[in-house]
Amino acid sequence: MDNGTDIPGTHLPATSKQFRELFFSADVVISKGQGNFETLLDEDRDIFCILQIKCESLAKRNNRSLGDWVVTKTGKGVQ
């Protein structure tokens, strides 16, 4: 589903009401891309993320290389 913005990523306050309703009521949220990963990282719910590492800081933080594909989970359940 499109989030209703032109922002690279999903900054929830800028999204459509319809998107936010679906986002907060969904049983599972799957996010694609580094922009979504970075903008949703601190949300208070579990989000499964699929992304390609495109910057050195993210690569170092996750002990990965540039270009690696990652599937990870963010949110309240992450230690």
PDB file of N, CA and C in Angstrom:
ATOM      1  N   MET A   1       0.845  -1.179   0.000  1.00  0.00           N
ATOM      2  CA  MET A   1       0.000   0.000   0.000  1.00  0.00           C
ATOM      3  C   MET A   1       0.885   1.235   0.000  1.00  0.00           C
ATOM      4  N   ASP A   2       0.542   2.201  -0.792  1.00  0.00           N
ATOM      5  CA  ASP A   2       1.239   3.483  -0.805  1.00  0.00           C
ATOM      6  C   ASP A   2       0.944   4.211   0.508  1.00  0.00           C
ATOM      7  N   ASN A   3       1.951   4.910   1.056  1.00  0.00           N
ATOM      8  CA  ASN A   3       1.745   5.586   2.340  1.00  0.00           C
ATOM      9  C   ASN A   3       1.169   6.994   2.198  1.00  0.00           C
ATOM     10  N   GLY A   4       0.999   7.462   0.971  1.00  0.00           N
ATOM     11  CA  GLY A   4       0.368   8.754   0.755  1.00  0.00           C
ATOM     12  C   GLY A   4       1.300   9.948   0.791  1.00  0.00           C
ATOM     13  N   THR A   5       2.622   9.712   0.805  1.00  0.00           N
ATOM     14  CA  THR A   5       3.580  10.823   0.817  1.00  0.00           C
ATOM     15  C   THR A   5       4.615  10.642  -0.282  1.00  0.00           C
ATOM     16  N   ASP A   6       5.373  11.704  -0.533  1.00  0.00           N
ATOM     17  CA  ASP A   6       6.492  11.625  -1.478  1.00  0.00           C
ATOM     18  C   ASP A   6       7.823  11.477  -0.744  1.00  0.00           C
ATOM     19  N   ILE A   7       7.771  11.292   0.561  1.00  0.00           N
ATOM     20  CA  ILE A   7       8.968  11.173   1.394  1.00  0.00           C
ATOM     21  C   ILE A   7       9.595   9.792   1.177  1.00  0.00           C
ATOM     22  N   PRO A   8      10.932   9.716   1.018  1.00  0.00           N
ATOM     23  CA  PRO A   8      11.557   8.389   0.937  1.00  0.00           C
ATOM     24  C   PRO A   8      11.561   7.765   2.329  1.00  0.00           C
ATOM     25  N   GLY A   9      10.660   6.862   2.559  1.00  0.00           N
ATOM     26  CA  GLY A   9      10.475   6.285   3.875  1.00  0.00           C
ATOM     27  C   GLY A   9       9.042   6.505   4.309  1.00  0.00           C
ATOM     28  N   THR A  10       8.764   6.190   5.564  1.00  0.00           N
ATOM     29  CA  THR A  10       7.407   6.336   6.081  1.00  0.00           C
ATOM     30  C   THR A  10       7.444   7.114   7.386  1.00  0.00           C
ATOM     31  N   HIS A  11       7.316   8.421   7.266  1.00  0.00           N
ATOM     32  CA  HIS A  11       7.215   9.306   8.431  1.00  0.00           C
ATOM     33  C   HIS A  11       5.729   9.362   8.772  1.00  0.00           C
ATOM     34  N   LEU A  12       5.310   8.598   9.789  1.00  0.00           N
ATOM     35  CA  LEU A  12       3.887   8.389  10.050  1.00  0.00           C
ATOM     36  C   LEU A  12       3.056   9.663  10.153  1.00  0.00           C
ATOM     37  N   PRO A  13       3.540  10.750  10.791  1.00  0.00           N
ATOM     38  CA  PRO A  13       2.709  11.955  10.848  1.00  0.00           C
ATOM     39  C   PRO A  13       2.381  12.541   9.474  1.00  0.00           C
ATOM     40  N   ALA A  14       3.176  12.221   8.465  1.00  0.00           N
ATOM     41  CA  ALA A  14       2.949  12.765   7.124  1.00  0.00           C
ATOM     42  C   ALA A  14       2.098  11.840   6.250  1.00  0.00           C
ATOM     43  N   THR A  15       1.757  10.658   6.750  1.00  0.00           N
ATOM     44  CA  THR A  15       1.005   9.699   5.940  1.00  0.00           C
ATOM     45  C   THR A  15      -0.491   9.985   5.992  1.00  0.00           C
ATOM     46  N   SER A  16      -1.221   9.350   5.091  1.00  0.00           N
ATOM     47  CA  SER A  16      -2.673   9.531   5.041  1.00  0.00           C
ATOM     48  C   SER A  16      -3.339   8.860   6.245  1.00  0.00           C
ATOM     49  N   LYS A  17      -4.518   9.353   6.569  1.00  0.00           N
ATOM     50  CA  LYS A  17      -5.290   8.766   7.669  1.00  0.00           C
ATOM     51  C   LYS A  17      -5.574   7.292   7.379  1.00  0.00           C
ATOM     52  N   GLN A  18      -5.914   6.984   6.139  1.00  0.00           N
ATOM     53  CA  GLN A  18      -6.198   5.602   5.746  1.00  0.00           C
ATOM     54  C   GLN A  18      -4.974   4.710   5.979  1.00  0.00           C
ATOM     55  N   PHE A  19      -3.793   5.208   5.621  1.00  0.00           N
ATOM     56  CA  PHE A  19      -2.573   4.425   5.820  1.00  0.00           C
ATOM     57  C   PHE A  19      -2.337   4.176   7.309  1.00  0.00           C
ATOM     58  N   ARG A  20      -2.438   5.226   8.135  1.00  0.00           N
ATOM     59  CA  ARG A  20      -2.202   5.070   9.578  1.00  0.00           C
ATOM     60  C   ARG A  20      -3.183   4.094  10.213  1.00  0.00           C
ATOM     61  N   GLU A  21      -4.446   4.157   9.813  1.00  0.00           N
ATOM     62  CA  GLU A  21      -5.440   3.222  10.353  1.00  0.00           C
ATOM     63  C   GLU A  21      -5.061   1.787  10.033  1.00  0.00           C
ATOM     64  N   LEU A  22      -4.659   1.539   8.800  1.00  0.00           N
ATOM     65  CA  LEU A  22      -4.253   0.197   8.401  1.00  0.00           C
ATOM     66  C   LEU A  22      -2.954  -0.216   9.096  1.00  0.00           C
ATOM     67  N   PHE A  23      -1.995   0.701   9.181  1.00  0.00           N
ATOM     68  CA  PHE A  23      -0.701   0.419   9.804  1.00  0.00           C
ATOM     69  C   PHE A  23      -0.886  -0.025  11.262  1.00  0.00           C
ATOM     70  N   PHE A  24      -1.701   0.698  12.007  1.00  0.00           N
ATOM     71  CA  PHE A  24      -1.861   0.394  13.430  1.00  0.00           C
ATOM     72  C   PHE A  24      -2.824  -0.751  13.711  1.00  0.00           C
ATOM     73  N   SER A  25      -3.654  -1.111  12.739  1.00  0.00           N
ATOM     74  CA  SER A  25      -4.594  -2.215  12.972  1.00  0.00           C
ATOM     75  C   SER A  25      -4.108  -3.539  12.384  1.00  0.00           C
ATOM     76  N   ALA A  26      -3.087  -3.501  11.540  1.00  0.00           N
ATOM     77  CA  ALA A  26      -2.594  -4.722  10.891  1.00  0.00           C
ATOM     78  C   ALA A  26      -1.962  -5.675  11.891  1.00  0.00           C
ATOM     79  N   ASP A  27      -2.175  -6.960  11.675  1.00  0.00           N
ATOM     80  CA  ASP A  27      -1.541  -7.975  12.518  1.00  0.00           C
ATOM     81  C   ASP A  27      -0.041  -8.033  12.269  1.00  0.00           C
ATOM     82  N   VAL A  28       0.360  -7.828  11.010  1.00  0.00           N
ATOM     83  CA  VAL A  28       1.767  -7.906  10.613  1.00  0.00           C
ATOM     84  C   VAL A  28       2.076  -6.733   9.676  1.00  0.00           C
ATOM     85  N   VAL A  29       3.225  -6.086   9.909  1.00  0.00           N
ATOM     86  CA  VAL A  29       3.691  -5.030   9.012  1.00  0.00           C
ATOM     87  C   VAL A  29       5.019  -5.483   8.416  1.00  0.00           C
ATOM     88  N   ILE A  30       5.085  -5.482   7.079  1.00  0.00           N
ATOM     89  CA  ILE A  30       6.318  -5.807   6.369  1.00  0.00           C
ATOM     90  C   ILE A  30       6.725  -4.560   5.606  1.00  0.00           C
ATOM     91  N   SER A  31       7.930  -4.104   5.874  1.00  0.00           N
ATOM     92  CA  SER A  31       8.447  -2.866   5.291  1.00  0.00           C
ATOM     93  C   SER A  31       9.573  -3.192   4.330  1.00  0.00           C
ATOM     94  N   LYS A  32       9.607  -2.494   3.183  1.00  0.00           N
ATOM     95  CA  LYS A  32      10.662  -2.726   2.207  1.00  0.00           C
ATOM     96  C   LYS A  32      11.488  -1.451   2.035  1.00  0.00           C
ATOM     97  N   GLY A  33      12.796  -1.602   2.093  1.00  0.00           N
ATOM     98  CA  GLY A  33      13.697  -0.502   1.794  1.00  0.00           C
ATOM     99  C   GLY A  33      14.327   0.146   3.009  1.00  0.00           C
ATOM    100  N   GLN A  34      15.530   0.679   2.785  1.00  0.00           N
ATOM    101  CA  GLN A  34      16.283   1.301   3.868  1.00  0.00           C
ATOM    102  C   GLN A  34      15.596   2.559   4.393  1.00  0.00           C
ATOM    103  N   GLY A  35      14.951   3.332   3.515  1.00  0.00           N
ATOM    104  CA  GLY A  35      14.242   4.534   3.967  1.00  0.00           C
ATOM    105  C   GLY A  35      13.135   4.200   4.943  1.00  0.00           C
ATOM    106  N   ASN A  36      12.355   3.164   4.649  1.00  0.00           N
ATOM    107  CA  ASN A  36      11.306   2.746   5.581  1.00  0.00           C
ATOM    108  C   ASN A  36      11.899   2.205   6.871  1.00  0.00           C
ATOM    109  N   PHE A  37      12.969   1.432   6.762  1.00  0.00           N
ATOM    110  CA  PHE A  37      13.635   0.920   7.960  1.00  0.00           C
ATOM    111  C   PHE A  37      14.052   2.069   8.871  1.00  0.00           C
ATOM    112  N   GLU A  38      14.693   3.081   8.308  1.00  0.00           N
ATOM    113  CA  GLU A  38      15.201   4.194   9.112  1.00  0.00           C
ATOM    114  C   GLU A  38      14.076   5.039   9.710  1.00  0.00           C
ATOM    115  N   THR A  39      12.983   5.242   8.984  1.00  0.00           N
ATOM    116  CA  THR A  39      11.910   6.100   9.499  1.00  0.00           C
ATOM    117  C   THR A  39      10.961   5.360  10.430  1.00  0.00           C
ATOM    118  N   LEU A  40      10.934   4.039  10.387  1.00  0.00           N
ATOM    119  CA  LEU A  40      10.042   3.264  11.247  1.00  0.00           C
ATOM    120  C   LEU A  40      10.760   2.581  12.402  1.00  0.00           C
ATOM    121  N   LEU A  41      12.057   2.747  12.487  1.00  0.00           N
ATOM    122  CA  LEU A  41      12.884   2.040  13.468  1.00  0.00           C
ATOM    123  C   LEU A  41      12.401   2.187  14.905  1.00  0.00           C
ATOM    124  N   ASP A  42      11.921   3.349  15.284  1.00  0.00           N
ATOM    125  CA  ASP A  42      11.547   3.593  16.680  1.00  0.00           C
ATOM    126  C   ASP A  42      10.051   3.460  16.959  1.00  0.00           C
ATOM    127  N   GLU A  43       9.295   2.955  15.999  1.00  0.00           N
ATOM    128  CA  GLU A  43       7.861   2.782  16.230  1.00  0.00           C
ATOM    129  C   GLU A  43       7.629   1.698  17.279  1.00  0.00           C
ATOM    130  N   ASP A  44       6.571   1.874  18.056  1.00  0.00           N
ATOM    131  CA  ASP A  44       6.275   0.971  19.164  1.00  0.00           C
ATOM    132  C   ASP A  44       5.411  -0.211  18.703  1.00  0.00           C
ATOM    133  N   ARG A  45       5.911  -0.918  17.715  1.00  0.00           N
ATOM    134  CA  ARG A  45       5.269  -2.152  17.266  1.00  0.00           C
ATOM    135  C   ARG A  45       6.297  -2.938  16.460  1.00  0.00           C
ATOM    136  N   ASP A  46       6.072  -4.227  16.353  1.00  0.00           N
ATOM    137  CA  ASP A  46       6.979  -5.070  15.581  1.00  0.00           C
ATOM    138  C   ASP A  46       6.786  -4.804  14.091  1.00  0.00           C
ATOM    139  N   ILE A  47       7.899  -4.613  13.381  1.00  0.00           N
ATOM    140  CA  ILE A  47       7.878  -4.397  11.942  1.00  0.00           C
ATOM    141  C   ILE A  47       8.970  -5.270  11.339  1.00  0.00           C
ATOM    142  N   PHE A  48       8.598  -6.080  10.365  1.00  0.00           N
ATOM    143  CA  PHE A  48       9.564  -6.901   9.653  1.00  0.00           C
ATOM    144  C   PHE A  48      10.063  -6.100   8.459  1.00  0.00           C
ATOM    145  N   CYS A  49      11.384  -6.005   8.323  1.00  0.00           N
ATOM    146  CA  CYS A  49      11.990  -5.144   7.301  1.00  0.00           C
ATOM    147  C   CYS A  49      12.853  -5.958   6.340  1.00  0.00           C
ATOM    148  N   ILE A  50      12.709  -5.650   5.063  1.00  0.00           N
ATOM    149  CA  ILE A  50      13.529  -6.229   4.008  1.00  0.00           C
ATOM    150  C   ILE A  50      14.233  -5.055   3.344  1.00  0.00           C
ATOM    151  N   LEU A  51      15.565  -5.070   3.358  1.00  0.00           N
ATOM    152  CA  LEU A  51      16.284  -3.930   2.793  1.00  0.00           C
ATOM    153  C   LEU A  51      17.666  -4.320   2.306  1.00  0.00           C
ATOM    154  N   GLN A  52      18.185  -3.476   1.433  1.00  0.00           N
ATOM    155  CA  GLN A  52      19.558  -3.618   0.970  1.00  0.00           C
ATOM    156  C   GLN A  52      20.387  -2.548   1.674  1.00  0.00           C
ATOM    157  N   ILE A  53      21.516  -2.952   2.243  1.00  0.00           N
ATOM    158  CA  ILE A  53      22.408  -2.020   2.936  1.00  0.00           C
ATOM    159  C   ILE A  53      23.030  -1.075   1.917  1.00  0.00           C
ATOM    160  N   LYS A  54      22.782   0.231   2.078  1.00  0.00           N
ATOM    161  CA  LYS A  54      23.265   1.212   1.106  1.00  0.00           C
ATOM    162  C   LYS A  54      24.169   2.273   1.707  1.00  0.00           C
ATOM    163  N   CYS A  55      24.441   2.212   3.017  1.00  0.00           N
ATOM    164  CA  CYS A  55      25.348   3.202   3.601  1.00  0.00           C
ATOM    165  C   CYS A  55      26.277   2.526   4.602  1.00  0.00           C
ATOM    166  N   GLU A  56      27.480   3.097   4.739  1.00  0.00           N
ATOM    167  CA  GLU A  56      28.514   2.520   5.605  1.00  0.00           C
ATOM    168  C   GLU A  56      28.082   2.437   7.066  1.00  0.00           C
ATOM    169  N   SER A  57      27.384   3.466   7.561  1.00  0.00           N
ATOM    170  CA  SER A  57      27.028   3.456   8.982  1.00  0.00           C
ATOM    171  C   SER A  57      26.072   2.304   9.303  1.00  0.00           C
ATOM    172  N   LEU A  58      25.115   2.050   8.435  1.00  0.00           N
ATOM    173  CA  LEU A  58      24.193   0.932   8.648  1.00  0.00           C
ATOM    174  C   LEU A  58      24.918  -0.403   8.484  1.00  0.00           C
ATOM    175  N   ALA A  59      25.830  -0.474   7.540  1.00  0.00           N
ATOM    176  CA  ALA A  59      26.619  -1.693   7.341  1.00  0.00           C
ATOM    177  C   ALA A  59      27.436  -2.011   8.595  1.00  0.00           C
ATOM    178  N   LYS A  60      28.116  -0.998   9.131  1.00  0.00           N
ATOM    179  CA  LYS A  60      28.938  -1.220  10.330  1.00  0.00           C
ATOM    180  C   LYS A  60      28.080  -1.591  11.528  1.00  0.00           C
ATOM    181  N   ARG A  61      26.958  -0.898  11.704  1.00  0.00           N
ATOM    182  CA  ARG A  61      26.080  -1.145  12.851  1.00  0.00           C
ATOM    183  C   ARG A  61      25.527  -2.571  12.841  1.00  0.00           C
ATOM    184  N   ASN A  62      25.352  -3.146  11.652  1.00  0.00           N
ATOM    185  CA  ASN A  62      24.779  -4.484  11.542  1.00  0.00           C
ATOM    186  C   ASN A  62      25.800  -5.543  11.148  1.00  0.00           C
ATOM    187  N   ASN A  63      27.090  -5.157  11.159  1.00  0.00           N
ATOM    188  CA  ASN A  63      28.161  -6.080  10.805  1.00  0.00           C
ATOM    189  C   ASN A  63      27.915  -6.710   9.427  1.00  0.00           C
ATOM    190  N   ARG A  64      27.593  -5.853   8.471  1.00  0.00           N
ATOM    191  CA  ARG A  64      27.301  -6.266   7.103  1.00  0.00           C
ATOM    192  C   ARG A  64      28.159  -5.485   6.129  1.00  0.00           C
ATOM    193  N   SER A  65      28.040  -5.805   4.864  1.00  0.00           N
ATOM    194  CA  SER A  65      28.753  -5.101   3.802  1.00  0.00           C
ATOM    195  C   SER A  65      27.758  -4.313   2.958  1.00  0.00           C
ATOM    196  N   LEU A  66      28.254  -3.269   2.314  1.00  0.00           N
ATOM    197  CA  LEU A  66      27.412  -2.525   1.380  1.00  0.00           C
ATOM    198  C   LEU A  66      26.866  -3.481   0.329  1.00  0.00           C
ATOM    199  N   GLY A  67      25.597  -3.357   0.018  1.00  0.00           N
ATOM    200  CA  GLY A  67      24.970  -4.208  -0.981  1.00  0.00           C
ATOM    201  C   GLY A  67      24.320  -5.462  -0.432  1.00  0.00           C
ATOM    202  N   ASP A  68      24.632  -5.831   0.822  1.00  0.00           N
ATOM    203  CA  ASP A  68      24.001  -7.012   1.426  1.00  0.00           C
ATOM    204  C   ASP A  68      22.507  -6.788   1.568  1.00  0.00           C
ATOM    205  N   TRP A  69      21.741  -7.853   1.399  1.00  0.00           N
ATOM    206  CA  TRP A  69      20.304  -7.833   1.659  1.00  0.00           C
ATOM    207  C   TRP A  69      20.065  -8.354   3.065  1.00  0.00           C
ATOM    208  N   VAL A  70      19.147  -7.716   3.781  1.00  0.00           N
ATOM    209  CA  VAL A  70      18.890  -8.043   5.179  1.00  0.00           C
ATOM    210  C   VAL A  70      17.385  -8.191   5.399  1.00  0.00           C
ATOM    211  N   VAL A  71      17.021  -9.181   6.179  1.00  0.00           N
ATOM    212  CA  VAL A  71      15.653  -9.306   6.679  1.00  0.00           C
ATOM    213  C   VAL A  71      15.786  -9.227   8.195  1.00  0.00           C
ATOM    214  N   THR A  72      15.089  -8.264   8.797  1.00  0.00           N
ATOM    215  CA  THR A  72      15.241  -8.035  10.233  1.00  0.00           C
ATOM    216  C   THR A  72      13.905  -7.597  10.822  1.00  0.00           C
ATOM    217  N   LYS A  73      13.871  -7.482  12.127  1.00  0.00           N
ATOM    218  CA  LYS A  73      12.654  -7.038  12.811  1.00  0.00           C
ATOM    219  C   LYS A  73      13.013  -5.870  13.714  1.00  0.00           C
ATOM    220  N   THR A  74      12.155  -4.864  13.725  1.00  0.00           N
ATOM    221  CA  THR A  74      12.325  -3.734  14.629  1.00  0.00           C
ATOM    222  C   THR A  74      11.137  -3.708  15.577  1.00  0.00           C
ATOM    223  N   GLY A  75      11.175  -2.812  16.545  1.00  0.00           N
ATOM    224  CA  GLY A  75      10.013  -2.590  17.383  1.00  0.00           C
ATOM    225  C   GLY A  75      10.177  -3.069  18.795  1.00  0.00           C
ATOM    226  N   LYS A  76       9.040  -3.115  19.476  1.00  0.00           N
ATOM    227  CA  LYS A  76       9.021  -3.377  20.918  1.00  0.00           C
ATOM    228  C   LYS A  76       9.558  -4.743  21.314  1.00  0.00           C
ATOM    229  N   GLY A  77       9.503  -5.725  20.415  1.00  0.00           N
ATOM    230  CA  GLY A  77       9.963  -7.063  20.753  1.00  0.00           C
ATOM    231  C   GLY A  77      11.432  -7.304  20.508  1.00  0.00           C
ATOM    232  N   VAL A  78      12.168  -6.292  20.052  1.00  0.00           N
ATOM    233  CA  VAL A  78      13.584  -6.462  19.710  1.00  0.00           C
ATOM    234  C   VAL A  78      14.430  -6.144  20.926  1.00  0.00           C
ATOM    235  N   GLN A  79      15.390  -6.993  21.212  1.00  0.00           N
ATOM    236  CA  GLN A  79      16.299  -6.795  22.353  1.00  0.00           C
ATOM    237  C   GLN A  79      17.500  -5.972  21.946  1.00  0.00           C
TER     238      GLN A  79
END
